[in-house]
Every structure is written in structure tokens, then in C-alpha cells.
């Protein structure tokens, strides 16, 4: 069965959800947030169906397939975050990116075959995927927090700020996400040390070094929060720096190996 139709439907749902969630930011008197999140849920389900159909139910870690997989998990976790702490701005950023990465995987990326993974590596990948996704959402929240703080400092409230929870709640959500993501990143590094036999042969040296560096950055941030009450710009900058390093750790290395050197990993 062709995956073009469900992929197109998922992209349309992602973009439709984005437009509904962005409505309050444009001055719309009504806030159709529940409808927007419902449509996003349909988009995520279609996205999952496309991933299962495209890769035979297996995890494909090639560059574009991995981007689409991460986007799907981030979108799903964004829906879960909104159940407990409604933050419409998250969806406005996450859902169009998910649509873009799904489109790249289905319509522009060359076909790939998933590499066989034993259960230990599959577990390692699952933990890494969840940790990376949580920290990705934390980075988006950090951007929203920075916008919120800037608007309050300059006494120029914009519609985005009005649509966000109070500053203290946004900050609390940020550190909860970082804490959970840091715990999963720790488990990722431990499981990698246990299950991955030959890091050099699998071209994982750069990934490992950068992942450890990101772990240190997030660890320092959490320590500073606990010990010194770090918040505001310092917290945002460290969170974004950690996420940038983590992005390079996986996708930067894969981009060089697969798109430039044409090596499969």
C-alpha cells in the first residue's frame, strides 16, 4: 500500500492543528485548543502508521528516517505535556516541524533498509529516543521562557506571552522536562557502555563524546538549579547549549557519515 496518502493526511493534520493552536496568538477571540490537540493526535497516529509501513515495523536509524521517528515521538510527548500543563506554543513549534520531517522522509529521502537490532540495542535506542525527545521539548520550552521573560522585562506583552502559563509554571515545566530527560540520558550512556561492543567500528566515538558533554551540561544546570537556584537566562542558555551538543551528537555525526561520506551506520 502506498504511504503517500496517509503521509499527506498526517501533514495536513499537523498543519491544521498548528493553525488552530496559533489562533489565539493572532488575536482570535476563541481558543480552539482542544480541537487543535485532537487533530494533532490524529496526525501522530497517521505518522506512526507511516513509520510502521515504511520500515516494516522495525526501527530505522538512517538519517531521514531517524529524524521522522524523533519528530513523531516529540509530537506525541507534546500532546502528553499538554494534558497536564497546557502550553499551546509547544504545538505551534513542534507540529509543523514534525510535518516537515515526515515529508522529507516519505517524499524526498532515498529508500533505506533498517539494520537488524538485538533486544539490548533496541532497549538502548528506545531509552535514547525518549531522553532525546524530552530534552528537545525542554529546549522549545526554554525558547518560550526566554520570550516570556523578555516581554516582561521590556513591559511589552505580546499575544504569545498571554497564551503561555505563568512564568513560574513555565519554568517549573522546563526543569521537570530537563530532569526526566537527564535521567534517561544517563541510562542511555550506561546502556551504551554495557551493550555496545565496539564503539570505534560502529563510528560512535564522536556521538559518545558529544553525548557525555551534553550530559555534563545538563548535569551542571540541574546542580546549579538545586544548589544556587539558577533560573532565567542562565538556565535557558545552558539548556539550549546542551541540546545543541546533543543534536550534533546524533544527527550531526549521522549527517556527515551518511550524506557526505555515504557510509551506512
C-alpha atoms as a PDB file:
ATOM      1  CA  UNK A   1       0.000   0.000   0.000  1.00  0.00           C
ATOM      2  CA  UNK A   2       1.266   3.454  -0.897  1.00  0.00           C
ATOM      3  CA  UNK A   3       2.289   5.569   2.068  1.00  0.00           C
ATOM      4  CA  UNK A   4       1.789   8.837   0.206  1.00  0.00           C
ATOM      5  CA  UNK A   5      -1.869   9.260   1.175  1.00  0.00           C
ATOM      6  CA  UNK A   6      -1.515   8.684   4.962  1.00  0.00           C
ATOM      7  CA  UNK A   7       1.629  10.833   4.933  1.00  0.00           C
ATOM      8  CA  UNK A   8      -0.204  13.681   3.205  1.00  0.00           C
ATOM      9  CA  UNK A   9      -3.132  13.343   5.626  1.00  0.00           C
ATOM     10  CA  UNK A  10      -0.732  13.423   8.591  1.00  0.00           C
ATOM     11  CA  UNK A  11       0.979  16.551   7.236  1.00  0.00           C
ATOM     12  CA  UNK A  12      -2.379  18.250   6.656  1.00  0.00           C
ATOM     13  CA  UNK A  13      -3.480  17.362  10.203  1.00  0.00           C
ATOM     14  CA  UNK A  14      -0.221  18.644  11.684  1.00  0.00           C
ATOM     15  CA  UNK A  15      -0.562  21.947   9.850  1.00  0.00           C
ATOM     16  CA  UNK A  16      -4.285  22.227  10.600  1.00  0.00           C
ATOM     17  CA  UNK A  17      -3.591  21.654  14.284  1.00  0.00           C
ATOM     18  CA  UNK A  18      -0.869  24.304  14.176  1.00  0.00           C
ATOM     19  CA  UNK A  19      -3.218  26.866  12.684  1.00  0.00           C
ATOM     20  CA  UNK A  20      -5.851  26.189  15.356  1.00  0.00           C
ATOM     21  CA  UNK A  21      -3.348  26.360  18.215  1.00  0.00           C
ATOM     22  CA  UNK A  22      -1.882  29.552  16.769  1.00  0.00           C
ATOM     23  CA  UNK A  23      -5.307  31.216  16.508  1.00  0.00           C
ATOM     24  CA  UNK A  24      -5.148  32.799  19.994  1.00  0.00           C
ATOM     25  CA  UNK A  25      -1.711  34.185  19.133  1.00  0.00           C
ATOM     26  CA  UNK A  26      -3.234  36.122  16.258  1.00  0.00           C
ATOM     27  CA  UNK A  27      -5.971  37.697  18.338  1.00  0.00           C
ATOM     28  CA  UNK A  28      -8.741  35.191  17.651  1.00  0.00           C
ATOM     29  CA  UNK A  29     -11.371  35.653  20.379  1.00  0.00           C
ATOM     30  CA  UNK A  30     -11.895  31.910  20.723  1.00  0.00           C
ATOM     31  CA  UNK A  31      -9.278  29.356  21.656  1.00  0.00           C
ATOM     32  CA  UNK A  32      -9.995  26.065  19.821  1.00  0.00           C
ATOM     33  CA  UNK A  33      -7.114  24.359  21.639  1.00  0.00           C
ATOM     34  CA  UNK A  34      -8.934  21.091  22.343  1.00  0.00           C
ATOM     35  CA  UNK A  35      -9.856  20.689  18.685  1.00  0.00           C
ATOM     36  CA  UNK A  36      -6.283  21.509  17.678  1.00  0.00           C
ATOM     37  CA  UNK A  37      -4.860  18.872  20.002  1.00  0.00           C
ATOM     38  CA  UNK A  38      -7.408  16.316  18.804  1.00  0.00           C
ATOM     39  CA  UNK A  39      -6.351  16.875  15.196  1.00  0.00           C
ATOM     40  CA  UNK A  40      -2.698  16.639  16.267  1.00  0.00           C
ATOM     41  CA  UNK A  41      -3.481  13.281  17.899  1.00  0.00           C
ATOM     42  CA  UNK A  42      -4.827  12.032  14.561  1.00  0.00           C
ATOM     43  CA  UNK A  43      -1.672  13.355  12.879  1.00  0.00           C
ATOM     44  CA  UNK A  44       0.556  11.437  15.298  1.00  0.00           C
ATOM     45  CA  UNK A  45      -1.420   8.217  14.750  1.00  0.00           C
ATOM     46  CA  UNK A  46      -1.087   8.605  10.987  1.00  0.00           C
ATOM     47  CA  UNK A  47       2.603   9.390  11.409  1.00  0.00           C
ATOM     48  CA  UNK A  48       3.060   6.160  13.403  1.00  0.00           C
ATOM     49  CA  UNK A  49       1.220   4.211  10.698  1.00  0.00           C
ATOM     50  CA  UNK A  50       3.531   5.648   8.041  1.00  0.00           C
ATOM     51  CA  UNK A  51       6.638   4.749  10.056  1.00  0.00           C
ATOM     52  CA  UNK A  52       5.397   1.194  10.586  1.00  0.00           C
ATOM     53  CA  UNK A  53       4.517   0.799   6.923  1.00  0.00           C
ATOM     54  CA  UNK A  54       7.715   2.325   5.607  1.00  0.00           C
ATOM     55  CA  UNK A  55      10.108   0.346   7.767  1.00  0.00           C
ATOM     56  CA  UNK A  56       8.268  -2.925   8.308  1.00  0.00           C
ATOM     57  CA  UNK A  57       7.633  -2.306  11.992  1.00  0.00           C
ATOM     58  CA  UNK A  58      11.360  -2.044  12.705  1.00  0.00           C
ATOM     59  CA  UNK A  59      13.398   0.916  13.922  1.00  0.00           C
ATOM     60  CA  UNK A  60      15.244   2.568  11.039  1.00  0.00           C
ATOM     61  CA  UNK A  61      18.077   4.771  12.290  1.00  0.00           C
ATOM     62  CA  UNK A  62      19.174   6.134   8.937  1.00  0.00           C
ATOM     63  CA  UNK A  63      19.302   9.927   8.854  1.00  0.00           C
ATOM     64  CA  UNK A  64      15.909  10.977   7.450  1.00  0.00           C
ATOM     65  CA  UNK A  65      14.048   8.012   8.938  1.00  0.00           C
ATOM     66  CA  UNK A  66      15.524   8.804  12.360  1.00  0.00           C
ATOM     67  CA  UNK A  67      14.525  12.460  12.036  1.00  0.00           C
ATOM     68  CA  UNK A  68      10.952  11.435  11.251  1.00  0.00           C
ATOM     69  CA  UNK A  69      10.897   8.958  14.143  1.00  0.00           C
ATOM     70  CA  UNK A  70      12.162  11.552  16.632  1.00  0.00           C
ATOM     71  CA  UNK A  71       9.649  14.091  15.312  1.00  0.00           C
ATOM     72  CA  UNK A  72       6.821  11.614  15.854  1.00  0.00           C
ATOM     73  CA  UNK A  73       7.897  10.871  19.439  1.00  0.00           C
ATOM     74  CA  UNK A  74       8.361  14.576  20.219  1.00  0.00           C
ATOM     75  CA  UNK A  75       4.893  15.332  18.822  1.00  0.00           C
ATOM     76  CA  UNK A  76       3.362  12.517  20.910  1.00  0.00           C
ATOM     77  CA  UNK A  77       5.107  13.726  24.067  1.00  0.00           C
ATOM     78  CA  UNK A  78       3.954  17.277  23.328  1.00  0.00           C
ATOM     79  CA  UNK A  79       0.376  16.011  23.421  1.00  0.00           C
ATOM     80  CA  UNK A  80       1.037  14.335  26.782  1.00  0.00           C
ATOM     81  CA  UNK A  81       2.596  17.521  28.191  1.00  0.00           C
ATOM     82  CA  UNK A  82      -0.471  19.488  27.147  1.00  0.00           C
ATOM     83  CA  UNK A  83      -2.715  17.139  29.098  1.00  0.00           C
ATOM     84  CA  UNK A  84      -1.175  18.252  32.385  1.00  0.00           C
ATOM     85  CA  UNK A  85       0.168  21.714  31.552  1.00  0.00           C
ATOM     86  CA  UNK A  86      -1.467  23.337  28.503  1.00  0.00           C
ATOM     87  CA  UNK A  87       1.214  25.125  26.502  1.00  0.00           C
ATOM     88  CA  UNK A  88      -0.178  25.874  23.049  1.00  0.00           C
ATOM     89  CA  UNK A  89       3.113  27.419  21.953  1.00  0.00           C
ATOM     90  CA  UNK A  90       4.741  23.987  22.080  1.00  0.00           C
ATOM     91  CA  UNK A  91       2.469  22.621  19.390  1.00  0.00           C
ATOM     92  CA  UNK A  92       2.865  25.711  17.232  1.00  0.00           C
ATOM     93  CA  UNK A  93       6.600  24.963  17.023  1.00  0.00           C
ATOM     94  CA  UNK A  94       6.667  21.144  17.209  1.00  0.00           C
ATOM     95  CA  UNK A  95       3.825  20.129  14.871  1.00  0.00           C
ATOM     96  CA  UNK A  96       4.958  21.969  11.704  1.00  0.00           C
ATOM     97  CA  UNK A  97       8.472  20.594  12.238  1.00  0.00           C
ATOM     98  CA  UNK A  98       7.003  17.098  12.507  1.00  0.00           C
ATOM     99  CA  UNK A  99       5.121  17.677   9.251  1.00  0.00           C
ATOM    100  CA  UNK A 100       8.308  18.859   7.528  1.00  0.00           C
ATOM    101  CA  UNK A 101      10.430  15.921   8.711  1.00  0.00           C
ATOM    102  CA  UNK A 102       7.730  13.398   7.822  1.00  0.00           C
ATOM    103  CA  UNK A 103       7.505  14.889   4.335  1.00  0.00           C
ATOM    104  CA  UNK A 104      11.275  14.729   3.882  1.00  0.00           C
ATOM    105  CA  UNK A 105      11.364  11.069   4.921  1.00  0.00           C
ATOM    106  CA  UNK A 106       8.477   9.942   2.715  1.00  0.00           C
ATOM    107  CA  UNK A 107       8.839  12.098  -0.391  1.00  0.00           C
ATOM    108  CA  UNK A 108      12.493  13.161  -0.685  1.00  0.00           C
ATOM    109  CA  UNK A 109      14.706  10.708   1.213  1.00  0.00           C
ATOM    110  CA  UNK A 110      16.158   7.685  -0.599  1.00  0.00           C
ATOM    111  CA  UNK A 111      14.721   4.315   0.467  1.00  0.00           C
ATOM    112  CA  UNK A 112      16.594   2.620   3.297  1.00  0.00           C
ATOM    113  CA  UNK A 113      16.535  -0.773   4.981  1.00  0.00           C
ATOM    114  CA  UNK A 114      16.583  -0.918   8.791  1.00  0.00           C
ATOM    115  CA  UNK A 115      19.632  -2.611  10.262  1.00  0.00           C
ATOM    116  CA  UNK A 116      18.785  -5.638  12.441  1.00  0.00           C
ATOM    117  CA  UNK A 117      18.994  -4.828  16.164  1.00  0.00           C
ATOM    118  CA  UNK A 118      19.109  -7.274  19.056  1.00  0.00           C
ATOM    119  CA  UNK A 119      16.990  -6.608  22.125  1.00  0.00           C
ATOM    120  CA  UNK A 120      19.801  -4.933  24.079  1.00  0.00           C
ATOM    121  CA  UNK A 121      20.477  -2.363  21.376  1.00  0.00           C
ATOM    122  CA  UNK A 122      16.728  -1.895  20.824  1.00  0.00           C
ATOM    123  CA  UNK A 123      16.352  -1.085  24.523  1.00  0.00           C
ATOM    124  CA  UNK A 124      19.294   1.325  24.329  1.00  0.00           C
ATOM    125  CA  UNK A 125      17.748   3.051  21.303  1.00  0.00           C
ATOM    126  CA  UNK A 126      14.315   3.314  22.962  1.00  0.00           C
ATOM    127  CA  UNK A 127      15.781   4.949  26.080  1.00  0.00           C
ATOM    128  CA  UNK A 128      17.895   7.305  23.970  1.00  0.00           C
ATOM    129  CA  UNK A 129      14.899   8.234  21.830  1.00  0.00           C
ATOM    130  CA  UNK A 130      12.733   9.124  24.833  1.00  0.00           C
ATOM    131  CA  UNK A 131      15.517  11.081  26.514  1.00  0.00           C
ATOM    132  CA  UNK A 132      16.368  12.997  23.329  1.00  0.00           C
ATOM    133  CA  UNK A 133      12.701  13.779  22.730  1.00  0.00           C
ATOM    134  CA  UNK A 134      12.097  15.065  26.273  1.00  0.00           C
ATOM    135  CA  UNK A 135      15.160  17.296  26.094  1.00  0.00           C
ATOM    136  CA  UNK A 136      14.028  18.546  22.672  1.00  0.00           C
ATOM    137  CA  UNK A 137      10.721  19.632  24.197  1.00  0.00           C
ATOM    138  CA  UNK A 138      12.657  21.218  27.078  1.00  0.00           C
ATOM    139  CA  UNK A 139      14.613  23.255  24.510  1.00  0.00           C
ATOM    140  CA  UNK A 140      11.363  24.512  22.957  1.00  0.00           C
ATOM    141  CA  UNK A 141      10.041  25.411  26.419  1.00  0.00           C
ATOM    142  CA  UNK A 142      13.332  27.231  27.085  1.00  0.00           C
ATOM    143  CA  UNK A 143      12.796  29.349  23.972  1.00  0.00           C
ATOM    144  CA  UNK A 144       9.239  30.151  25.068  1.00  0.00           C
ATOM    145  CA  UNK A 145      10.520  31.016  28.553  1.00  0.00           C
ATOM    146  CA  UNK A 146      13.108  33.373  27.075  1.00  0.00           C
ATOM    147  CA  UNK A 147      10.425  35.139  25.018  1.00  0.00           C
ATOM    148  CA  UNK A 148       8.192  35.352  28.081  1.00  0.00           C
ATOM    149  CA  UNK A 149      10.939  36.842  30.261  1.00  0.00           C
ATOM    150  CA  UNK A 150      11.981  39.344  27.608  1.00  0.00           C
ATOM    151  CA  UNK A 151       8.412  40.542  27.179  1.00  0.00           C
ATOM    152  CA  UNK A 152       8.036  41.014  30.924  1.00  0.00           C
ATOM    153  CA  UNK A 153      11.345  42.880  31.227  1.00  0.00           C
ATOM    154  CA  UNK A 154      10.507  45.263  28.395  1.00  0.00           C
ATOM    155  CA  UNK A 155       6.887  45.655  29.556  1.00  0.00           C
ATOM    156  CA  UNK A 156       5.706  44.742  26.079  1.00  0.00           C
ATOM    157  CA  UNK A 157       3.374  41.782  26.482  1.00  0.00           C
ATOM    158  CA  UNK A 158       2.744  40.017  23.190  1.00  0.00           C
ATOM    159  CA  UNK A 159      -0.020  37.571  22.370  1.00  0.00           C
ATOM    160  CA  UNK A 160       2.327  34.611  22.678  1.00  0.00           C
ATOM    161  CA  UNK A 161       3.053  35.551  26.282  1.00  0.00           C
ATOM    162  CA  UNK A 162      -0.649  35.862  27.063  1.00  0.00           C
ATOM    163  CA  UNK A 163      -1.169  32.355  25.695  1.00  0.00           C
ATOM    164  CA  UNK A 164       1.519  30.847  27.941  1.00  0.00           C
ATOM    165  CA  UNK A 165       1.107  29.713  31.544  1.00  0.00           C
ATOM    166  CA  UNK A 166       2.508  32.000  34.275  1.00  0.00           C
ATOM    167  CA  UNK A 167       6.286  32.389  34.202  1.00  0.00           C
ATOM    168  CA  UNK A 168       6.846  30.233  37.297  1.00  0.00           C
ATOM    169  CA  UNK A 169       4.809  27.380  35.802  1.00  0.00           C
ATOM    170  CA  UNK A 170       6.717  27.534  32.518  1.00  0.00           C
ATOM    171  CA  UNK A 171       9.992  27.450  34.438  1.00  0.00           C
ATOM    172  CA  UNK A 172       8.793  24.530  36.579  1.00  0.00           C
ATOM    173  CA  UNK A 173       7.812  22.605  33.436  1.00  0.00           C
ATOM    174  CA  UNK A 174      11.243  23.310  31.931  1.00  0.00           C
ATOM    175  CA  UNK A 175      13.143  21.784  34.845  1.00  0.00           C
ATOM    176  CA  UNK A 176      10.808  18.802  35.109  1.00  0.00           C
ATOM    177  CA  UNK A 177      11.477  18.013  31.465  1.00  0.00           C
ATOM    178  CA  UNK A 178      15.221  18.519  31.892  1.00  0.00           C
ATOM    179  CA  UNK A 179      15.251  16.301  34.993  1.00  0.00           C
ATOM    180  CA  UNK A 180      13.407  13.473  33.251  1.00  0.00           C
ATOM    181  CA  UNK A 181      15.484  13.846  30.085  1.00  0.00           C
ATOM    182  CA  UNK A 182      18.732  13.887  32.094  1.00  0.00           C
ATOM    183  CA  UNK A 183      17.753  10.672  33.884  1.00  0.00           C
ATOM    184  CA  UNK A 184      17.048   8.984  30.536  1.00  0.00           C
ATOM    185  CA  UNK A 185      20.267  10.362  29.043  1.00  0.00           C
ATOM    186  CA  UNK A 186      22.144   8.847  31.997  1.00  0.00           C
ATOM    187  CA  UNK A 187      20.513   5.480  31.326  1.00  0.00           C
ATOM    188  CA  UNK A 188      21.370   5.866  27.638  1.00  0.00           C
ATOM    189  CA  UNK A 189      25.059   6.304  28.391  1.00  0.00           C
ATOM    190  CA  UNK A 190      25.053   3.399  30.862  1.00  0.00           C
ATOM    191  CA  UNK A 191      23.205   1.052  28.490  1.00  0.00           C
ATOM    192  CA  UNK A 192      25.511   2.082  25.656  1.00  0.00           C
ATOM    193  CA  UNK A 193      28.558   1.234  27.769  1.00  0.00           C
ATOM    194  CA  UNK A 194      27.026  -2.165  28.597  1.00  0.00           C
ATOM    195  CA  UNK A 195      25.601  -3.191  25.234  1.00  0.00           C
ATOM    196  CA  UNK A 196      27.716  -1.581  22.506  1.00  0.00           C
ATOM    197  CA  UNK A 197      30.793  -3.734  21.980  1.00  0.00           C
ATOM    198  CA  UNK A 198      32.969  -1.802  19.535  1.00  0.00           C
ATOM    199  CA  UNK A 199      32.404   1.952  19.545  1.00  0.00           C
ATOM    200  CA  UNK A 200      35.206   2.651  17.064  1.00  0.00           C
ATOM    201  CA  UNK A 201      33.981   0.127  14.487  1.00  0.00           C
ATOM    202  CA  UNK A 202      30.440   1.495  14.662  1.00  0.00           C
ATOM    203  CA  UNK A 203      31.578   5.123  14.181  1.00  0.00           C
ATOM    204  CA  UNK A 204      30.230   6.097  17.602  1.00  0.00           C
ATOM    205  CA  UNK A 205      33.246   7.858  19.125  1.00  0.00           C
ATOM    206  CA  UNK A 206      32.043  11.361  18.258  1.00  0.00           C
ATOM    207  CA  UNK A 207      28.492  10.506  19.280  1.00  0.00           C
ATOM    208  CA  UNK A 208      29.670   9.184  22.628  1.00  0.00           C
ATOM    209  CA  UNK A 209      31.978  12.119  23.399  1.00  0.00           C
ATOM    210  CA  UNK A 210      29.347  14.707  22.495  1.00  0.00           C
ATOM    211  CA  UNK A 211      26.650  12.838  24.416  1.00  0.00           C
ATOM    212  CA  UNK A 212      28.836  12.837  27.535  1.00  0.00           C
ATOM    213  CA  UNK A 213      29.466  16.568  27.050  1.00  0.00           C
ATOM    214  CA  UNK A 214      25.710  17.195  26.773  1.00  0.00           C
ATOM    215  CA  UNK A 215      25.167  15.078  29.906  1.00  0.00           C
ATOM    216  CA  UNK A 216      27.680  17.253  31.762  1.00  0.00           C
ATOM    217  CA  UNK A 217      25.977  20.462  30.622  1.00  0.00           C
ATOM    218  CA  UNK A 218      22.533  19.315  31.731  1.00  0.00           C
ATOM    219  CA  UNK A 219      24.013  17.947  34.948  1.00  0.00           C
ATOM    220  CA  UNK A 220      25.641  21.300  35.746  1.00  0.00           C
ATOM    221  CA  UNK A 221      22.349  23.048  35.007  1.00  0.00           C
ATOM    222  CA  UNK A 222      20.396  20.797  37.379  1.00  0.00           C
ATOM    223  CA  UNK A 223      23.102  21.128  40.052  1.00  0.00           C
ATOM    224  CA  UNK A 224      23.058  24.911  39.708  1.00  0.00           C
ATOM    225  CA  UNK A 225      19.273  24.928  39.971  1.00  0.00           C
ATOM    226  CA  UNK A 226      19.376  22.780  43.138  1.00  0.00           C
ATOM    227  CA  UNK A 227      22.368  24.490  44.769  1.00  0.00           C
ATOM    228  CA  UNK A 228      22.077  28.108  43.659  1.00  0.00           C
ATOM    229  CA  UNK A 229      18.551  28.433  42.296  1.00  0.00           C
ATOM    230  CA  UNK A 230      19.676  29.125  38.726  1.00  0.00           C
ATOM    231  CA  UNK A 231      16.871  30.374  36.540  1.00  0.00           C
ATOM    232  CA  UNK A 232      16.115  32.790  33.750  1.00  0.00           C
ATOM    233  CA  UNK A 233      18.677  33.494  31.067  1.00  0.00           C
ATOM    234  CA  UNK A 234      21.384  31.239  32.562  1.00  0.00           C
ATOM    235  CA  UNK A 235      19.035  28.256  32.614  1.00  0.00           C
ATOM    236  CA  UNK A 236      17.807  28.943  29.082  1.00  0.00           C
ATOM    237  CA  UNK A 237      21.329  29.326  27.677  1.00  0.00           C
ATOM    238  CA  UNK A 238      22.620  26.131  29.300  1.00  0.00           C
ATOM    239  CA  UNK A 239      19.554  24.171  28.195  1.00  0.00           C
ATOM    240  CA  UNK A 240      19.933  25.317  24.583  1.00  0.00           C
ATOM    241  CA  UNK A 241      23.686  24.674  24.653  1.00  0.00           C
ATOM    242  CA  UNK A 242      23.140  21.148  25.959  1.00  0.00           C
ATOM    243  CA  UNK A 243      20.506  20.466  23.327  1.00  0.00           C
ATOM    244  CA  UNK A 244      22.738  21.830  20.541  1.00  0.00           C
ATOM    245  CA  UNK A 245      25.542  19.463  21.600  1.00  0.00           C
ATOM    246  CA  UNK A 246      23.095  16.557  21.807  1.00  0.00           C
ATOM    247  CA  UNK A 247      21.791  17.405  18.337  1.00  0.00           C
ATOM    248  CA  UNK A 248      25.334  17.288  16.993  1.00  0.00           C
ATOM    249  CA  UNK A 249      25.994  14.055  18.873  1.00  0.00           C
ATOM    250  CA  UNK A 250      23.476  12.084  16.875  1.00  0.00           C
ATOM    251  CA  UNK A 251      22.259  13.913  13.814  1.00  0.00           C
ATOM    252  CA  UNK A 252      25.465  15.854  13.185  1.00  0.00           C
ATOM    253  CA  UNK A 253      27.506  12.659  13.097  1.00  0.00           C
ATOM    254  CA  UNK A 254      24.902  10.822  11.005  1.00  0.00           C
ATOM    255  CA  UNK A 255      24.681  13.707   8.526  1.00  0.00           C
ATOM    256  CA  UNK A 256      28.443  13.643   7.954  1.00  0.00           C
ATOM    257  CA  UNK A 257      28.627   9.851   7.680  1.00  0.00           C
ATOM    258  CA  UNK A 258      25.544   9.280   5.525  1.00  0.00           C
ATOM    259  CA  UNK A 259      25.114  12.454   3.469  1.00  0.00           C
ATOM    260  CA  UNK A 260      28.761  13.444   2.949  1.00  0.00           C
ATOM    261  CA  UNK A 261      30.820  10.267   3.339  1.00  0.00           C
ATOM    262  CA  UNK A 262      27.974   7.979   2.138  1.00  0.00           C
ATOM    263  CA  UNK A 263      28.573   5.426   4.872  1.00  0.00           C
ATOM    264  CA  UNK A 264      25.753   3.448   6.425  1.00  0.00           C
ATOM    265  CA  UNK A 265      25.675   3.291  10.243  1.00  0.00           C
END
